[in-house]
């Protein structure tokens, strides 16, 4: 897992609120999937379960940095339960949550999305839905 210090260095150009959002997402992933791999990319951070595969097949979530917000993205988000109606996007199957500020973020609902996505296996889903 990428350290807090590495995130702070890589994203030192962000304001404190955006940085706090990235760090909270990292903390949630570390709590939910302590074995998760993470990589800093040009657009943010990707988290995945190396025991099940790479960032697509075994993706947990992505933190995507935008100019005025952070997106919590899920590569297979279209298949997630979303009782809080947080998920946005129309690129199938990817979905994301827009996080405008740390204080307004719905952390418990986002944690539930991270948990659900960390357990999602696209290959099992495909096998169970064959006609």
C-alpha atoms as a PDB file:
ATOM      1  CA  UNK A   1       0.000   0.000   0.000  1.00  0.00           C
ATOM      2  CA  UNK A   2       1.286   3.460  -0.839  1.00  0.00           C
ATOM      3  CA  UNK A   3       2.274   5.384   2.262  1.00  0.00           C
ATOM      4  CA  UNK A   4       0.634   8.604   3.393  1.00  0.00           C
ATOM      5  CA  UNK A   5       3.953  10.364   2.826  1.00  0.00           C
ATOM      6  CA  UNK A   6       4.140   9.152  -0.798  1.00  0.00           C
ATOM      7  CA  UNK A   7       0.627  10.434  -1.470  1.00  0.00           C
ATOM      8  CA  UNK A   8       1.385  13.792   0.133  1.00  0.00           C
ATOM      9  CA  UNK A   9       4.519  14.153  -1.986  1.00  0.00           C
ATOM     10  CA  UNK A  10       2.946  13.025  -5.263  1.00  0.00           C
ATOM     11  CA  UNK A  11      -0.083  15.282  -4.824  1.00  0.00           C
ATOM     12  CA  UNK A  12       1.529  18.254  -3.066  1.00  0.00           C
ATOM     13  CA  UNK A  13      -0.020  20.546  -5.695  1.00  0.00           C
ATOM     14  CA  UNK A  14      -3.541  19.840  -4.384  1.00  0.00           C
ATOM     15  CA  UNK A  15      -5.314  21.907  -1.769  1.00  0.00           C
ATOM     16  CA  UNK A  16      -5.574  20.420   1.733  1.00  0.00           C
ATOM     17  CA  UNK A  17      -9.207  19.366   1.317  1.00  0.00           C
ATOM     18  CA  UNK A  18      -8.478  17.390  -1.865  1.00  0.00           C
ATOM     19  CA  UNK A  19      -5.426  15.813  -0.262  1.00  0.00           C
ATOM     20  CA  UNK A  20      -7.483  14.833   2.789  1.00  0.00           C
ATOM     21  CA  UNK A  21     -10.019  13.148   0.489  1.00  0.00           C
ATOM     22  CA  UNK A  22      -7.261  11.117  -1.204  1.00  0.00           C
ATOM     23  CA  UNK A  23      -5.881  10.112   2.187  1.00  0.00           C
ATOM     24  CA  UNK A  24      -9.296   9.099   3.528  1.00  0.00           C
ATOM     25  CA  UNK A  25      -9.927   6.905   0.487  1.00  0.00           C
ATOM     26  CA  UNK A  26      -6.511   5.314   1.060  1.00  0.00           C
ATOM     27  CA  UNK A  27      -7.410   4.711   4.724  1.00  0.00           C
ATOM     28  CA  UNK A  28     -10.753   3.138   3.802  1.00  0.00           C
ATOM     29  CA  UNK A  29      -9.105   0.805   1.300  1.00  0.00           C
ATOM     30  CA  UNK A  30      -6.416  -0.127   3.847  1.00  0.00           C
ATOM     31  CA  UNK A  31      -9.150  -0.971   6.377  1.00  0.00           C
ATOM     32  CA  UNK A  32     -11.266  -2.962   3.908  1.00  0.00           C
ATOM     33  CA  UNK A  33      -8.448  -4.673   1.987  1.00  0.00           C
ATOM     34  CA  UNK A  34      -5.176  -4.480   3.939  1.00  0.00           C
ATOM     35  CA  UNK A  35      -3.472  -6.597   1.260  1.00  0.00           C
ATOM     36  CA  UNK A  36      -4.433  -4.182  -1.553  1.00  0.00           C
ATOM     37  CA  UNK A  37      -1.855  -3.040  -4.049  1.00  0.00           C
ATOM     38  CA  UNK A  38      -1.849   0.608  -5.001  1.00  0.00           C
ATOM     39  CA  UNK A  39      -0.209   2.606  -7.737  1.00  0.00           C
ATOM     40  CA  UNK A  40       0.099   6.314  -8.289  1.00  0.00           C
ATOM     41  CA  UNK A  41      -0.859   7.157 -11.850  1.00  0.00           C
ATOM     42  CA  UNK A  42      -0.856  10.461 -13.704  1.00  0.00           C
ATOM     43  CA  UNK A  43      -4.561  10.945 -12.967  1.00  0.00           C
ATOM     44  CA  UNK A  44      -4.681   9.638  -9.375  1.00  0.00           C
ATOM     45  CA  UNK A  45      -4.357   6.365  -7.494  1.00  0.00           C
ATOM     46  CA  UNK A  46      -5.562   2.882  -8.409  1.00  0.00           C
ATOM     47  CA  UNK A  47      -6.198   0.166  -5.805  1.00  0.00           C
ATOM     48  CA  UNK A  48      -6.586  -3.541  -6.572  1.00  0.00           C
ATOM     49  CA  UNK A  49      -6.353  -7.009  -5.045  1.00  0.00           C
ATOM     50  CA  UNK A  50      -3.232  -8.670  -6.471  1.00  0.00           C
ATOM     51  CA  UNK A  51      -4.410 -12.046  -5.171  1.00  0.00           C
ATOM     52  CA  UNK A  52      -7.275 -11.944  -7.707  1.00  0.00           C
ATOM     53  CA  UNK A  53      -5.613 -10.130 -10.608  1.00  0.00           C
ATOM     54  CA  UNK A  54      -4.774  -6.662 -11.832  1.00  0.00           C
ATOM     55  CA  UNK A  55      -6.448  -3.241 -11.732  1.00  0.00           C
ATOM     56  CA  UNK A  56      -9.346  -4.229 -14.026  1.00  0.00           C
ATOM     57  CA  UNK A  57     -10.297  -7.738 -12.953  1.00  0.00           C
ATOM     58  CA  UNK A  58      -9.502  -7.171  -9.271  1.00  0.00           C
ATOM     59  CA  UNK A  59     -10.031  -3.423  -9.011  1.00  0.00           C
ATOM     60  CA  UNK A  60     -11.061  -2.074  -5.629  1.00  0.00           C
ATOM     61  CA  UNK A  61     -11.387   1.578  -6.607  1.00  0.00           C
ATOM     62  CA  UNK A  62      -9.616   4.561  -8.115  1.00  0.00           C
ATOM     63  CA  UNK A  63      -9.077   8.063  -6.763  1.00  0.00           C
ATOM     64  CA  UNK A  64      -9.148  10.375  -9.759  1.00  0.00           C
ATOM     65  CA  UNK A  65      -7.958  13.962  -9.362  1.00  0.00           C
ATOM     66  CA  UNK A  66      -9.986  16.597 -11.216  1.00  0.00           C
ATOM     67  CA  UNK A  67      -9.470  20.365 -11.114  1.00  0.00           C
ATOM     68  CA  UNK A  68     -12.213  21.062  -8.595  1.00  0.00           C
ATOM     69  CA  UNK A  69     -13.028  17.663  -7.060  1.00  0.00           C
ATOM     70  CA  UNK A  70     -11.927  14.079  -6.506  1.00  0.00           C
ATOM     71  CA  UNK A  71     -13.700  11.147  -8.111  1.00  0.00           C
ATOM     72  CA  UNK A  72     -13.983   7.814  -6.376  1.00  0.00           C
ATOM     73  CA  UNK A  73     -14.263   5.505  -9.388  1.00  0.00           C
ATOM     74  CA  UNK A  74     -15.213   1.862  -9.815  1.00  0.00           C
ATOM     75  CA  UNK A  75     -14.321   0.053 -13.048  1.00  0.00           C
ATOM     76  CA  UNK A  76     -17.368  -2.237 -12.666  1.00  0.00           C
ATOM     77  CA  UNK A  77     -19.537   0.287 -10.848  1.00  0.00           C
ATOM     78  CA  UNK A  78     -22.622  -0.348 -12.986  1.00  0.00           C
ATOM     79  CA  UNK A  79     -23.006  -3.686 -11.159  1.00  0.00           C
ATOM     80  CA  UNK A  80     -22.815  -2.301  -7.618  1.00  0.00           C
ATOM     81  CA  UNK A  81     -25.737  -1.845  -5.245  1.00  0.00           C
ATOM     82  CA  UNK A  82     -26.130   1.906  -4.758  1.00  0.00           C
ATOM     83  CA  UNK A  83     -28.967   2.604  -2.319  1.00  0.00           C
ATOM     84  CA  UNK A  84     -27.643   6.142  -1.710  1.00  0.00           C
ATOM     85  CA  UNK A  85     -27.695   6.935  -5.450  1.00  0.00           C
ATOM     86  CA  UNK A  86     -24.127   8.223  -5.366  1.00  0.00           C
ATOM     87  CA  UNK A  87     -22.852   6.676  -8.591  1.00  0.00           C
ATOM     88  CA  UNK A  88     -22.597   8.809 -11.708  1.00  0.00           C
ATOM     89  CA  UNK A  89     -21.372   8.263 -15.242  1.00  0.00           C
ATOM     90  CA  UNK A  90     -22.498   6.681 -18.457  1.00  0.00           C
ATOM     91  CA  UNK A  91     -19.369   4.883 -19.623  1.00  0.00           C
ATOM     92  CA  UNK A  92     -20.351   1.242 -19.223  1.00  0.00           C
ATOM     93  CA  UNK A  93     -19.536  -0.344 -16.798  1.00  0.00           C
ATOM     94  CA  UNK A  94     -17.444   2.331 -15.034  1.00  0.00           C
ATOM     95  CA  UNK A  95     -19.123   4.605 -12.476  1.00  0.00           C
ATOM     96  CA  UNK A  96     -17.855   7.208 -10.039  1.00  0.00           C
ATOM     97  CA  UNK A  97     -18.770   9.361  -7.060  1.00  0.00           C
ATOM     98  CA  UNK A  98     -17.966  13.071  -7.210  1.00  0.00           C
ATOM     99  CA  UNK A  99     -16.454  14.306  -3.947  1.00  0.00           C
ATOM    100  CA  UNK A 100     -16.543  18.101  -3.768  1.00  0.00           C
ATOM    101  CA  UNK A 101     -15.306  18.440  -0.195  1.00  0.00           C
ATOM    102  CA  UNK A 102     -14.213  16.257   2.693  1.00  0.00           C
ATOM    103  CA  UNK A 103     -16.981  17.543   4.940  1.00  0.00           C
ATOM    104  CA  UNK A 104     -19.811  16.943   2.458  1.00  0.00           C
ATOM    105  CA  UNK A 105     -18.604  13.451   1.501  1.00  0.00           C
ATOM    106  CA  UNK A 106     -20.916  10.575   2.363  1.00  0.00           C
ATOM    107  CA  UNK A 107     -18.133   8.395   3.722  1.00  0.00           C
ATOM    108  CA  UNK A 108     -20.212   5.504   5.078  1.00  0.00           C
ATOM    109  CA  UNK A 109     -22.037   5.060   1.772  1.00  0.00           C
ATOM    110  CA  UNK A 110     -18.775   5.281  -0.155  1.00  0.00           C
ATOM    111  CA  UNK A 111     -17.234   2.724   2.197  1.00  0.00           C
ATOM    112  CA  UNK A 112     -20.099   0.343   1.359  1.00  0.00           C
ATOM    113  CA  UNK A 113     -19.386   0.855  -2.367  1.00  0.00           C
ATOM    114  CA  UNK A 114     -15.685   0.114  -1.841  1.00  0.00           C
ATOM    115  CA  UNK A 115     -16.551  -3.057   0.084  1.00  0.00           C
ATOM    116  CA  UNK A 116     -18.978  -4.218  -2.612  1.00  0.00           C
ATOM    117  CA  UNK A 117     -16.520  -3.523  -5.413  1.00  0.00           C
ATOM    118  CA  UNK A 118     -13.633  -5.191  -3.581  1.00  0.00           C
ATOM    119  CA  UNK A 119     -15.738  -8.376  -3.575  1.00  0.00           C
ATOM    120  CA  UNK A 120     -16.960  -8.121  -7.161  1.00  0.00           C
ATOM    121  CA  UNK A 121     -15.501 -10.657  -9.598  1.00  0.00           C
ATOM    122  CA  UNK A 122     -16.364  -9.827 -13.217  1.00  0.00           C
ATOM    123  CA  UNK A 123     -15.600 -13.394 -14.312  1.00  0.00           C
ATOM    124  CA  UNK A 124     -18.008 -14.897 -11.775  1.00  0.00           C
ATOM    125  CA  UNK A 125     -20.614 -12.371 -12.842  1.00  0.00           C
ATOM    126  CA  UNK A 126     -20.199 -13.355 -16.513  1.00  0.00           C
ATOM    127  CA  UNK A 127     -20.435 -17.079 -15.704  1.00  0.00           C
ATOM    128  CA  UNK A 128     -23.597 -16.592 -13.629  1.00  0.00           C
ATOM    129  CA  UNK A 129     -25.348 -14.539 -16.326  1.00  0.00           C
ATOM    130  CA  UNK A 130     -24.787 -16.651 -19.437  1.00  0.00           C
ATOM    131  CA  UNK A 131     -27.891 -17.421 -21.451  1.00  0.00           C
END
